[in-house]
N, C-alpha and C. Protein backbone atom coordinates (compact mmCIF):
# COMPACT_ATOMS: atom_id res chain seq x y z
N MET A 1 -14.73 -4.24 -19.60
CA MET A 1 -13.60 -4.60 -18.80
C MET A 1 -14.06 -4.82 -17.37
N LYS A 2 -13.66 -5.94 -16.78
CA LYS A 2 -14.07 -6.31 -15.44
C LYS A 2 -12.90 -6.15 -14.47
N LYS A 3 -13.16 -5.52 -13.34
CA LYS A 3 -12.14 -5.42 -12.30
C LYS A 3 -12.01 -6.79 -11.63
N LEU A 4 -10.76 -7.23 -11.42
CA LEU A 4 -10.52 -8.52 -10.79
C LEU A 4 -10.78 -8.47 -9.29
N ALA A 5 -11.35 -9.53 -8.77
CA ALA A 5 -11.53 -9.67 -7.33
C ALA A 5 -10.19 -10.07 -6.72
N ASN A 6 -10.03 -9.84 -5.42
CA ASN A 6 -8.76 -10.17 -4.76
C ASN A 6 -8.32 -11.62 -5.02
N GLU A 7 -9.24 -12.54 -4.97
CA GLU A 7 -8.88 -13.96 -5.17
C GLU A 7 -8.48 -14.27 -6.60
N GLU A 8 -8.79 -13.40 -7.54
CA GLU A 8 -8.42 -13.58 -8.95
C GLU A 8 -7.04 -13.00 -9.30
N LEU A 9 -6.40 -12.34 -8.34
CA LEU A 9 -5.13 -11.66 -8.61
C LEU A 9 -3.92 -12.59 -8.55
N ASN A 10 -4.12 -13.83 -8.17
CA ASN A 10 -3.03 -14.81 -8.06
C ASN A 10 -1.91 -14.32 -7.14
N ARG A 11 -2.29 -13.68 -6.04
CA ARG A 11 -1.30 -13.23 -5.06
C ARG A 11 -0.69 -14.42 -4.37
N LYS A 12 0.54 -14.26 -3.95
CA LYS A 12 1.21 -15.30 -3.17
C LYS A 12 0.53 -15.40 -1.81
N THR A 13 0.54 -16.60 -1.25
CA THR A 13 0.07 -16.74 0.13
C THR A 13 1.11 -16.08 1.03
N VAL A 14 0.77 -15.89 2.29
CA VAL A 14 1.72 -15.30 3.24
C VAL A 14 2.99 -16.14 3.29
N ASP A 15 2.87 -17.45 3.37
CA ASP A 15 4.06 -18.32 3.42
C ASP A 15 4.86 -18.24 2.12
N GLU A 16 4.20 -18.24 0.97
CA GLU A 16 4.90 -18.11 -0.31
C GLU A 16 5.64 -16.79 -0.39
N PHE A 17 4.99 -15.73 0.07
CA PHE A 17 5.62 -14.40 0.05
C PHE A 17 6.85 -14.39 0.94
N LYS A 18 6.73 -14.92 2.15
CA LYS A 18 7.85 -14.91 3.10
C LYS A 18 9.05 -15.68 2.55
N GLN A 19 8.80 -16.73 1.76
CA GLN A 19 9.89 -17.56 1.22
C GLN A 19 10.42 -17.05 -0.13
N ALA A 20 9.71 -16.16 -0.76
CA ALA A 20 10.12 -15.66 -2.08
C ALA A 20 11.36 -14.78 -1.97
N GLN A 21 12.17 -14.77 -3.03
CA GLN A 21 13.32 -13.88 -3.08
C GLN A 21 12.82 -12.45 -3.19
N LYS A 22 13.37 -11.58 -2.37
CA LYS A 22 12.91 -10.19 -2.31
C LYS A 22 13.80 -9.26 -3.13
N THR A 23 13.21 -8.16 -3.55
CA THR A 23 13.95 -7.07 -4.16
C THR A 23 14.71 -6.38 -3.03
N PRO A 24 16.03 -6.19 -3.14
CA PRO A 24 16.80 -5.67 -2.00
C PRO A 24 16.60 -4.17 -1.76
N ILE A 25 15.34 -3.82 -1.49
CA ILE A 25 14.98 -2.43 -1.20
C ILE A 25 14.14 -2.42 0.08
N VAL A 26 14.46 -1.47 0.97
CA VAL A 26 13.67 -1.24 2.17
C VAL A 26 13.00 0.12 1.99
N LEU A 27 11.71 0.18 2.19
CA LEU A 27 10.95 1.43 2.08
C LEU A 27 10.84 2.04 3.47
N VAL A 28 11.24 3.30 3.62
CA VAL A 28 11.18 3.99 4.91
C VAL A 28 10.15 5.11 4.81
N LEU A 29 9.21 5.12 5.75
CA LEU A 29 8.19 6.16 5.81
C LEU A 29 8.44 7.00 7.05
N ASP A 30 8.62 8.30 6.85
CA ASP A 30 8.92 9.20 7.96
C ASP A 30 7.79 10.17 8.20
N ASN A 31 7.19 10.09 9.37
CA ASN A 31 6.13 11.02 9.78
C ASN A 31 5.00 11.12 8.76
N ILE A 32 4.55 9.98 8.26
CA ILE A 32 3.40 9.94 7.34
C ILE A 32 2.14 9.88 8.19
N ARG A 33 1.38 10.95 8.19
CA ARG A 33 0.22 11.05 9.07
C ARG A 33 -1.01 10.32 8.54
N SER A 34 -1.13 10.21 7.24
CA SER A 34 -2.30 9.55 6.65
C SER A 34 -2.16 8.04 6.74
N LEU A 35 -3.04 7.41 7.48
CA LEU A 35 -3.00 5.96 7.62
C LEU A 35 -3.33 5.27 6.30
N ASN A 36 -4.14 5.91 5.46
CA ASN A 36 -4.41 5.36 4.13
C ASN A 36 -3.14 5.33 3.29
N ASN A 37 -2.31 6.38 3.40
CA ASN A 37 -1.04 6.40 2.66
C ASN A 37 -0.09 5.33 3.18
N VAL A 38 -0.11 5.07 4.47
CA VAL A 38 0.73 4.01 5.04
C VAL A 38 0.27 2.66 4.47
N GLY A 39 -1.02 2.44 4.44
CA GLY A 39 -1.55 1.19 3.88
C GLY A 39 -1.20 1.05 2.42
N SER A 40 -1.27 2.12 1.68
CA SER A 40 -0.91 2.10 0.26
C SER A 40 0.57 1.78 0.08
N ALA A 41 1.43 2.31 0.94
CA ALA A 41 2.86 2.02 0.87
C ALA A 41 3.12 0.54 1.14
N PHE A 42 2.40 -0.04 2.10
CA PHE A 42 2.53 -1.48 2.36
C PHE A 42 2.13 -2.28 1.13
N ARG A 43 1.01 -1.88 0.51
CA ARG A 43 0.52 -2.61 -0.66
C ARG A 43 1.51 -2.50 -1.82
N THR A 44 2.11 -1.33 -2.01
CA THR A 44 3.09 -1.14 -3.07
C THR A 44 4.34 -1.96 -2.79
N ALA A 45 4.82 -1.94 -1.54
CA ALA A 45 6.00 -2.72 -1.16
C ALA A 45 5.75 -4.21 -1.40
N ASP A 46 4.57 -4.68 -1.07
CA ASP A 46 4.18 -6.07 -1.29
C ASP A 46 4.21 -6.40 -2.78
N SER A 47 3.67 -5.51 -3.61
CA SER A 47 3.57 -5.81 -5.04
C SER A 47 4.94 -5.89 -5.71
N PHE A 48 5.94 -5.18 -5.16
CA PHE A 48 7.29 -5.22 -5.72
C PHE A 48 8.21 -6.18 -4.97
N LEU A 49 7.65 -6.97 -4.05
CA LEU A 49 8.42 -7.93 -3.24
C LEU A 49 9.61 -7.26 -2.55
N LEU A 50 9.39 -6.08 -1.97
CA LEU A 50 10.46 -5.40 -1.25
C LEU A 50 10.79 -6.15 0.03
N GLU A 51 12.01 -5.92 0.53
CA GLU A 51 12.45 -6.61 1.75
C GLU A 51 11.62 -6.24 2.97
N ALA A 52 11.37 -4.93 3.14
CA ALA A 52 10.71 -4.50 4.37
C ALA A 52 10.21 -3.07 4.24
N VAL A 53 9.37 -2.70 5.20
CA VAL A 53 8.92 -1.33 5.37
C VAL A 53 9.34 -0.91 6.78
N HIS A 54 10.01 0.24 6.89
CA HIS A 54 10.38 0.78 8.19
C HIS A 54 9.57 2.05 8.43
N LEU A 55 8.99 2.16 9.60
CA LEU A 55 8.09 3.25 9.95
C LEU A 55 8.74 4.13 11.02
N CYS A 56 8.82 5.43 10.75
CA CYS A 56 9.52 6.34 11.66
C CYS A 56 8.60 7.44 12.16
N GLY A 57 8.95 7.95 13.35
CA GLY A 57 8.24 9.10 13.91
C GLY A 57 6.78 8.79 14.18
N VAL A 58 5.90 9.70 13.73
CA VAL A 58 4.47 9.57 14.02
C VAL A 58 3.74 8.65 13.03
N THR A 59 4.47 8.04 12.10
CA THR A 59 3.84 7.15 11.12
C THR A 59 3.10 6.03 11.86
N GLY A 60 1.85 5.81 11.49
CA GLY A 60 1.04 4.78 12.13
C GLY A 60 1.56 3.39 11.81
N THR A 61 1.23 2.44 12.68
CA THR A 61 1.68 1.06 12.53
C THR A 61 0.49 0.10 12.53
N PRO A 62 0.67 -1.04 11.85
CA PRO A 62 -0.34 -2.10 11.95
C PRO A 62 -0.31 -2.69 13.36
N PRO A 63 -1.34 -3.33 13.80
CA PRO A 63 -2.64 -3.43 13.15
C PRO A 63 -3.46 -2.17 13.39
N ASN A 64 -4.04 -1.67 12.36
CA ASN A 64 -4.89 -0.48 12.43
C ASN A 64 -5.91 -0.60 11.31
N PRO A 65 -7.19 -0.48 11.63
CA PRO A 65 -8.22 -0.66 10.61
C PRO A 65 -8.05 0.25 9.39
N GLU A 66 -7.60 1.49 9.59
CA GLU A 66 -7.42 2.41 8.46
C GLU A 66 -6.27 1.97 7.56
N ILE A 67 -5.20 1.44 8.15
CA ILE A 67 -4.07 0.93 7.36
C ILE A 67 -4.50 -0.35 6.65
N GLN A 68 -5.16 -1.25 7.39
CA GLN A 68 -5.58 -2.54 6.84
C GLN A 68 -6.51 -2.37 5.64
N LYS A 69 -7.40 -1.38 5.73
CA LYS A 69 -8.40 -1.15 4.67
C LYS A 69 -7.71 -0.90 3.33
N THR A 70 -6.61 -0.15 3.34
CA THR A 70 -5.90 0.19 2.11
C THR A 70 -4.84 -0.85 1.76
N ALA A 71 -4.23 -1.45 2.77
CA ALA A 71 -3.14 -2.40 2.54
C ALA A 71 -3.61 -3.71 1.89
N LEU A 72 -4.87 -4.05 2.06
CA LEU A 72 -5.45 -5.27 1.46
C LEU A 72 -4.63 -6.52 1.76
N GLY A 73 -4.21 -6.68 3.01
CA GLY A 73 -3.49 -7.89 3.41
C GLY A 73 -1.97 -7.77 3.38
N ALA A 74 -1.45 -6.68 2.83
CA ALA A 74 0.00 -6.53 2.71
C ALA A 74 0.70 -6.38 4.06
N THR A 75 -0.02 -5.97 5.09
CA THR A 75 0.61 -5.88 6.42
C THR A 75 0.89 -7.27 6.98
N GLU A 76 0.25 -8.27 6.42
CA GLU A 76 0.50 -9.66 6.85
C GLU A 76 1.71 -10.26 6.14
N THR A 77 1.99 -9.79 4.93
CA THR A 77 3.10 -10.36 4.16
C THR A 77 4.40 -9.59 4.36
N MET A 78 4.31 -8.26 4.47
CA MET A 78 5.51 -7.44 4.54
C MET A 78 6.13 -7.46 5.93
N SER A 79 7.44 -7.60 5.94
CA SER A 79 8.19 -7.43 7.17
C SER A 79 8.23 -5.92 7.45
N TRP A 80 8.03 -5.52 8.72
CA TRP A 80 8.08 -4.10 9.03
C TRP A 80 8.68 -3.89 10.41
N LYS A 81 9.18 -2.68 10.61
CA LYS A 81 9.82 -2.33 11.88
C LYS A 81 9.51 -0.87 12.19
N LYS A 82 9.28 -0.57 13.46
CA LYS A 82 9.02 0.80 13.92
C LYS A 82 10.29 1.37 14.53
N HIS A 83 10.61 2.62 14.16
CA HIS A 83 11.75 3.34 14.71
C HIS A 83 11.24 4.63 15.36
N THR A 84 11.85 5.00 16.46
CA THR A 84 11.49 6.25 17.11
C THR A 84 11.91 7.43 16.25
N SER A 85 13.09 7.32 15.63
CA SER A 85 13.58 8.43 14.81
C SER A 85 14.09 7.92 13.47
N THR A 86 14.05 8.81 12.48
CA THR A 86 14.55 8.47 11.15
C THR A 86 16.06 8.30 11.19
N LEU A 87 16.75 9.11 11.99
CA LEU A 87 18.21 9.00 12.10
C LEU A 87 18.61 7.62 12.61
N GLU A 88 17.89 7.10 13.60
CA GLU A 88 18.15 5.76 14.11
C GLU A 88 17.97 4.72 12.99
N CYS A 89 16.92 4.87 12.22
CA CYS A 89 16.62 3.96 11.12
C CYS A 89 17.72 4.00 10.06
N ILE A 90 18.07 5.21 9.62
CA ILE A 90 19.09 5.35 8.58
C ILE A 90 20.43 4.80 9.05
N THR A 91 20.80 5.08 10.29
CA THR A 91 22.06 4.58 10.84
C THR A 91 22.07 3.05 10.82
N GLU A 92 20.98 2.45 11.25
CA GLU A 92 20.88 0.98 11.26
C GLU A 92 21.02 0.41 9.85
N LEU A 93 20.31 1.00 8.89
CA LEU A 93 20.35 0.50 7.52
C LEU A 93 21.72 0.73 6.87
N LYS A 94 22.35 1.86 7.15
CA LYS A 94 23.70 2.11 6.63
C LYS A 94 24.67 1.06 7.17
N ASN A 95 24.53 0.74 8.46
CA ASN A 95 25.39 -0.27 9.07
C ASN A 95 25.16 -1.66 8.47
N GLN A 96 23.99 -1.87 7.86
CA GLN A 96 23.68 -3.13 7.20
C GLN A 96 24.07 -3.10 5.72
N GLY A 97 24.69 -2.00 5.27
CA GLY A 97 25.18 -1.93 3.90
C GLY A 97 24.23 -1.34 2.88
N TYR A 98 23.17 -0.70 3.32
CA TYR A 98 22.23 -0.11 2.38
C TYR A 98 22.73 1.24 1.87
N THR A 99 22.47 1.53 0.59
CA THR A 99 22.66 2.84 0.02
C THR A 99 21.41 3.64 0.34
N ILE A 100 21.56 4.86 0.81
CA ILE A 100 20.42 5.66 1.24
C ILE A 100 19.98 6.59 0.10
N CYS A 101 18.72 6.50 -0.29
CA CYS A 101 18.13 7.35 -1.32
C CYS A 101 16.83 7.92 -0.76
N SER A 102 16.54 9.16 -1.08
CA SER A 102 15.31 9.78 -0.59
C SER A 102 14.56 10.44 -1.73
N ALA A 103 13.25 10.41 -1.65
CA ALA A 103 12.42 11.13 -2.60
C ALA A 103 12.06 12.46 -1.97
N GLU A 104 12.50 13.54 -2.59
CA GLU A 104 12.26 14.87 -2.05
C GLU A 104 12.32 15.89 -3.17
N GLN A 105 11.52 16.91 -3.09
CA GLN A 105 11.58 18.00 -4.05
C GLN A 105 12.47 19.07 -3.46
N ALA A 106 13.73 19.09 -3.89
CA ALA A 106 14.69 20.03 -3.33
C ALA A 106 15.72 20.40 -4.39
N GLU A 107 16.44 21.48 -4.12
CA GLU A 107 17.50 21.92 -5.01
C GLU A 107 18.53 20.80 -5.14
N HIS A 108 19.04 20.57 -6.34
CA HIS A 108 20.05 19.55 -6.67
C HIS A 108 19.50 18.12 -6.63
N SER A 109 18.19 17.96 -6.56
CA SER A 109 17.65 16.60 -6.59
C SER A 109 17.65 16.09 -8.03
N VAL A 110 17.59 14.78 -8.19
CA VAL A 110 17.57 14.12 -9.49
C VAL A 110 16.13 13.77 -9.81
N MET A 111 15.69 14.08 -11.00
CA MET A 111 14.33 13.73 -11.40
C MET A 111 14.17 12.22 -11.36
N LEU A 112 13.01 11.76 -10.89
CA LEU A 112 12.78 10.33 -10.71
C LEU A 112 13.01 9.54 -12.00
N ASN A 113 12.60 10.08 -13.13
CA ASN A 113 12.77 9.36 -14.40
C ASN A 113 14.24 9.32 -14.84
N GLU A 114 15.12 10.09 -14.19
CA GLU A 114 16.55 10.08 -14.51
C GLU A 114 17.36 9.32 -13.46
N PHE A 115 16.71 8.87 -12.41
CA PHE A 115 17.38 8.18 -11.32
C PHE A 115 17.77 6.77 -11.74
N GLU A 116 19.02 6.39 -11.50
CA GLU A 116 19.51 5.06 -11.83
C GLU A 116 20.02 4.38 -10.56
N VAL A 117 19.64 3.13 -10.39
CA VAL A 117 20.03 2.36 -9.22
C VAL A 117 21.17 1.42 -9.60
N ASP A 118 22.17 1.33 -8.74
CA ASP A 118 23.24 0.33 -8.90
C ASP A 118 22.66 -1.00 -8.45
N LYS A 119 22.42 -1.89 -9.38
CA LYS A 119 21.74 -3.15 -9.09
C LYS A 119 22.58 -4.10 -8.24
N GLU A 120 23.83 -3.76 -8.00
CA GLU A 120 24.70 -4.58 -7.16
C GLU A 120 24.60 -4.17 -5.69
N LYS A 121 23.87 -3.10 -5.38
CA LYS A 121 23.78 -2.59 -4.02
C LYS A 121 22.36 -2.70 -3.50
N LYS A 122 22.24 -2.82 -2.16
CA LYS A 122 20.96 -2.77 -1.52
C LYS A 122 20.57 -1.30 -1.39
N VAL A 123 19.27 -1.00 -1.54
CA VAL A 123 18.82 0.38 -1.54
C VAL A 123 17.76 0.58 -0.48
N ARG A 124 17.80 1.73 0.14
CA ARG A 124 16.77 2.15 1.10
C ARG A 124 16.15 3.41 0.52
N LEU A 125 14.84 3.39 0.28
CA LEU A 125 14.14 4.57 -0.22
C LEU A 125 13.35 5.21 0.91
N GLY A 126 13.44 6.52 1.03
CA GLY A 126 12.72 7.21 2.07
C GLY A 126 11.73 8.20 1.50
N PHE A 127 10.59 8.31 2.13
CA PHE A 127 9.58 9.29 1.73
C PHE A 127 9.18 10.07 2.97
N TRP A 128 9.28 11.38 2.87
CA TRP A 128 8.95 12.22 4.03
C TRP A 128 7.73 13.04 3.71
């Protein structure tokens, strides 16, 4: 089995990506200190054609060599925005009609494999 090179993955060009219909989900990263994890989140958002990535608090922002190394070009395709606070971000997205969902290990949380999304609504996923 051979690992595919980047040029063999048939990725959309930046222009093709920008014009493609997006999955109505915004990924929000709150205080993610690992720049490699930020880059990975960009790459994941790109692969699912998400609308945008919003970065809150101390989360690093592009351009940054550590983010770029893991993102593999996704910082060029993904729309992203920096927020000073998560509350500011959530308020903005709620005002735009997004349903707010968060991934967290807490009492009364729903297991990820049991989580169901209303496909008629825009969704904002947050990871802290």
